[in-house]
Protein backbone atom coordinates (compact mmCIF):
# COMPACT_ATOMS: atom_id res chain seq x y z
CA MET A 1 -24.89 -24.05 -7.41
CA LEU A 2 -24.69 -21.51 -10.30
CA ASP A 3 -28.13 -21.02 -11.46
CA ALA A 4 -30.34 -18.10 -13.00
CA ALA A 5 -31.83 -17.13 -9.61
CA LEU A 6 -28.23 -16.65 -8.25
CA ILE A 7 -26.97 -14.80 -11.40
CA GLU A 8 -29.80 -12.40 -10.97
CA ARG A 9 -29.39 -11.65 -7.54
CA ALA A 10 -25.66 -11.18 -8.08
CA LEU A 11 -26.48 -8.70 -11.19
CA GLU A 12 -28.85 -6.61 -8.74
CA LYS A 13 -26.53 -6.61 -5.71
CA THR A 14 -23.37 -5.49 -7.81
CA GLY A 15 -25.05 -3.10 -10.14
CA LYS A 16 -23.61 -4.85 -12.87
CA SER A 17 -25.27 -5.14 -16.70
CA LYS A 18 -26.24 -8.06 -18.53
CA GLY A 19 -24.34 -6.77 -21.43
CA GLY A 20 -21.37 -6.30 -19.41
CA LEU A 21 -21.73 -10.05 -18.22
CA ALA A 22 -22.16 -11.34 -21.81
CA ARG A 23 -19.12 -9.74 -22.93
CA ALA A 24 -17.21 -11.07 -19.76
CA MET A 25 -18.72 -14.62 -21.17
CA GLY A 26 -17.68 -13.86 -24.67
CA VAL A 27 -21.39 -14.11 -25.92
CA ARG A 28 -24.07 -12.32 -27.68
CA ALA A 29 -26.00 -9.90 -25.67
CA GLY A 30 -29.22 -12.02 -25.86
CA ALA A 31 -27.72 -15.01 -24.22
CA VAL A 32 -27.81 -13.62 -20.98
CA SER A 33 -31.40 -13.01 -20.88
CA GLU A 34 -32.02 -16.57 -22.27
CA ILE A 35 -30.17 -18.10 -19.27
CA LEU A 36 -32.37 -15.80 -16.84
CA SER A 37 -35.42 -17.00 -18.40
CA GLY A 38 -34.50 -20.69 -18.59
CA ILE A 39 -34.43 -20.76 -22.20
CA ARG A 40 -30.56 -21.63 -22.51
CA LEU A 41 -28.64 -23.43 -20.07
CA ILE A 42 -24.93 -22.35 -18.74
CA LYS A 43 -22.31 -24.09 -20.29
CA ALA A 44 -19.16 -25.52 -18.25
CA SER A 45 -16.81 -22.83 -19.84
CA GLU A 46 -18.76 -19.95 -18.99
CA ILE A 47 -18.84 -20.65 -15.02
CA ALA A 48 -15.60 -18.98 -14.15
CA PRO A 49 -16.10 -15.83 -16.03
CA ILE A 50 -19.60 -15.50 -14.85
CA MET A 51 -18.28 -16.22 -11.13
CA GLU A 52 -15.57 -13.70 -11.73
CA TYR A 53 -17.79 -10.97 -13.08
CA LEU A 54 -20.17 -11.39 -10.52
CA GLU A 55 -17.99 -11.83 -7.83
CA LEU A 56 -19.75 -14.77 -6.94
CA ASN A 57 -17.00 -16.61 -5.37
CA SER A 58 -15.78 -13.98 -2.94
CA VAL A 59 -16.82 -14.19 0.90
CA PRO A 60 -15.77 -11.48 3.27
CA ILE A 61 -13.99 -12.55 6.47
CA VAL A 62 -15.80 -10.65 8.98
CA GLY A 63 -13.77 -11.72 12.15
CA ARG A 64 -12.29 -14.46 14.03
CA VAL A 65 -13.92 -17.51 15.87
CA GLY A 66 -11.98 -19.05 19.14
CA ALA A 67 -10.64 -22.51 18.84
CA GLY A 68 -9.41 -22.42 22.51
CA ALA A 69 -9.13 -18.49 22.50
CA SER A 70 -12.19 -16.42 23.81
CA ILE A 71 -12.95 -13.99 21.13
CA GLN A 72 -15.36 -11.16 22.00
CA PRO A 73 -16.47 -9.12 19.27
CA GLU A 74 -16.76 -5.92 21.16
CA LEU A 75 -12.84 -6.08 22.13
CA GLU A 76 -11.60 -7.51 18.90
CA GLN A 77 -8.93 -5.79 17.10
CA VAL A 78 -10.74 -6.10 13.06
CA PRO A 79 -10.81 -3.12 10.99
CA PRO A 80 -14.59 -1.93 10.21
CA GLU A 81 -14.22 -3.67 6.61
CA GLY A 82 -13.24 -7.19 8.25
CA LEU A 83 -10.07 -9.19 7.37
CA GLY A 84 -10.49 -9.07 3.65
CA GLU A 85 -12.16 -11.58 1.25
CA ILE A 86 -11.40 -14.98 0.41
CA GLU A 87 -11.92 -16.03 -3.36
CA LEU A 88 -13.22 -19.70 -3.64
CA PRO A 89 -13.06 -22.12 -6.65
CA PHE A 90 -16.85 -22.37 -6.84
CA PRO A 91 -19.63 -20.02 -6.34
CA MET A 92 -21.02 -19.35 -3.04
CA THR A 93 -24.42 -17.69 -2.07
CA GLU A 94 -24.53 -14.32 -0.50
CA GLU A 95 -26.01 -15.81 2.79
CA THR A 96 -22.48 -16.73 3.65
CA VAL A 97 -19.54 -15.15 5.59
CA ALA A 98 -16.10 -16.32 6.76
CA PHE A 99 -14.19 -16.56 10.08
CA GLU A 100 -10.53 -17.09 10.78
CA VAL A 101 -9.58 -19.62 13.11
CA SER A 102 -7.71 -18.35 16.45
CA GLY A 103 -6.42 -21.12 18.57
CA ASP A 104 -5.49 -24.72 18.62
CA SER A 105 -8.00 -26.51 20.92
CA MET A 106 -9.87 -27.92 17.86
CA LEU A 107 -6.47 -29.82 16.42
CA PRO A 108 -6.10 -31.91 14.34
CA LYS A 109 -9.15 -30.58 12.52
CA TYR A 110 -8.89 -26.85 12.69
CA GLU A 111 -5.47 -25.04 12.66
CA ASN A 112 -4.88 -21.63 13.66
CA GLY A 113 -5.19 -19.61 10.55
CA ASP A 114 -7.74 -21.67 9.01
CA VAL A 115 -10.98 -20.29 7.61
CA ILE A 116 -14.62 -21.49 8.22
CA VAL A 117 -17.37 -20.48 5.92
CA VAL A 118 -20.54 -20.14 7.49
CA TYR A 119 -24.16 -19.24 6.97
CA ARG A 120 -24.82 -15.70 8.03
CA GLU A 121 -28.26 -16.44 9.60
CA GLN A 122 -29.13 -19.44 11.81
CA ARG A 123 -31.43 -21.92 9.41
CA TYR A 124 -32.47 -24.48 12.04
CA PRO A 125 -33.12 -24.87 15.69
CA LEU A 126 -30.62 -25.60 18.44
CA SER A 127 -31.56 -29.12 19.17
CA SER A 128 -30.53 -29.97 15.07
CA PHE A 129 -26.88 -29.05 16.03
CA TYR A 130 -26.17 -31.45 18.86
CA GLY A 131 -23.04 -33.20 18.27
CA GLU A 132 -22.02 -30.86 15.60
CA GLU A 133 -18.96 -28.46 15.15
CA ALA A 134 -20.20 -25.16 14.66
CA ALA A 135 -19.31 -21.40 14.84
CA VAL A 136 -21.19 -19.98 18.15
CA ARG A 137 -21.84 -16.76 19.87
CA LEU A 138 -22.55 -16.92 23.50
CA LYS A 139 -25.46 -14.73 25.18
CA SER A 140 -22.42 -13.31 26.99
CA GLY A 141 -20.72 -12.27 23.61
CA GLU A 142 -17.86 -14.79 23.32
CA ARG A 143 -17.27 -16.48 19.97
CA TYR A 144 -16.02 -19.87 19.47
CA LEU A 145 -15.62 -22.87 17.23
CA LYS A 146 -16.78 -25.81 19.28
CA THR A 147 -18.67 -29.08 19.23
CA ILE A 148 -22.30 -28.53 20.52
CA GLU A 149 -23.64 -30.67 23.05
CA ARG A 150 -27.06 -30.67 25.12
CA GLY A 151 -26.64 -29.04 28.49
CA SER A 152 -28.13 -30.46 31.73
CA SER A 153 -30.62 -27.61 31.81
CA SER A 154 -33.15 -26.62 29.35
CA GLY A 155 -31.75 -23.96 26.80
CA THR A 156 -28.23 -24.44 27.70
CA VAL A 157 -25.20 -26.32 25.92
CA ASN A 158 -21.94 -27.54 26.76
CA LEU A 159 -19.15 -26.63 24.23
CA LYS A 160 -16.75 -29.16 23.64
CA SER A 161 -12.89 -29.11 21.97
CA PHE A 162 -10.47 -32.11 21.38
CA ASN A 163 -7.71 -30.10 23.39
CA ALA A 164 -9.52 -27.99 25.99
CA LYS A 165 -11.65 -28.22 28.95
CA PRO A 166 -15.51 -28.08 28.04
CA ILE A 167 -17.34 -24.94 28.57
CA ASN A 168 -20.77 -26.19 30.29
CA GLY A 169 -23.93 -24.76 30.68
CA VAL A 170 -23.76 -21.85 28.54
CA LYS A 171 -26.78 -20.24 26.45
CA LEU A 172 -26.22 -19.56 22.55
CA GLU A 173 -27.25 -16.26 20.82
CA TRP A 174 -26.23 -17.42 17.41
CA ILE A 175 -25.00 -20.59 15.74
CA GLY A 176 -22.95 -20.58 12.20
CA GLU A 177 -23.69 -23.55 10.21
CA ILE A 178 -20.43 -24.50 8.61
CA CYS A 179 -20.52 -25.00 4.98
CA VAL A 180 -16.82 -24.76 3.84
CA THR A 181 -13.66 -25.37 5.40
CA LEU A 182 -10.43 -24.01 4.22
CA PRO A 183 -7.29 -25.27 5.64
CA ARG A 184 -4.41 -22.27 5.80
CA GLY A 185 -2.33 -23.57 3.05
CA GLN A 186 -4.97 -23.64 0.83
CA ILE A 187 -6.16 -20.12 1.57
CA GLU A 188 -2.49 -19.15 1.09
CA ARG A 189 -2.34 -20.64 -2.69
CA LEU A 190 -6.13 -19.16 -3.53
CA ARG A 191 -4.89 -15.60 -2.43
CA GLY A 192 -1.57 -16.10 -4.72
CA LYS A 193 -3.64 -17.34 -7.57
CA SER A 194 -5.82 -14.11 -7.17
CA ALA A 195 -2.88 -11.98 -6.89
CA ALA A 196 -1.28 -13.23 -10.10
CA LYS A 197 -4.46 -13.01 -11.68
CA GLY A 198 -4.73 -9.24 -10.73
CA ARG A 199 -1.40 -8.65 -11.91
CA LYS A 200 -2.05 -10.02 -15.45
CA SER A 201 -5.18 -7.96 -15.65
CA ALA A 202 -3.28 -5.06 -14.72
CA ARG A 203 -0.56 -5.62 -17.57
CA THR A 204 -3.66 -6.46 -19.94
CA GLN A 205 -5.40 -3.22 -19.29
CA GLY A 206 -1.94 -1.23 -19.50
CA GLY A 207 -1.05 -2.74 -23.04
CA ARG A 208 -4.63 -1.74 -23.98
CA SER A 209 -4.00 1.74 -22.87
CA SER A 210 -0.66 2.26 -24.74
CA GLU A 211 -2.22 0.98 -28.16
CA LYS A 212 -4.56 3.96 -27.96
């Protein structure tokens, strides 16, 4: 949800100004202060420019999560800056990160190359995730996308897949609650749209420079 608190945090995080945001929205300078103070509501036509200016729809892809494959973060061949970013058609909070699905054990629901957006920090106790799919990291370091089931002993779980043998009696270090799933085809379309927008912006900036 796009609200004043999210906008205020994004301004602080990006170091961008209220004046710059107002220009991006095409409104007078004081309008942003009015939104932040609750005096003025955000119009539907202003959501897209706010999201774009403050990068509210960009989520970093920080690594891979195994659906069949065993992903060990310390051995994972991911550059320090991650695997890039995915731009969503709606705003997301700064509390989320994304993982690329690797493997096919969760077919037909998750395919190799899909992206899941999860909460960076575990928000609820282990027991609340029984029966749910989630990104998990084991105490031993491996990272998976699995369905979490109660284990036979205290503190342990069984991790189940649609098309692979379960992993039984393991302990979890972290659970990434899934908030958005993006199929591979949709990701390609979103990236194509983002690239086209970047080319259009570059042409616009080039045209302005030639006019000077």
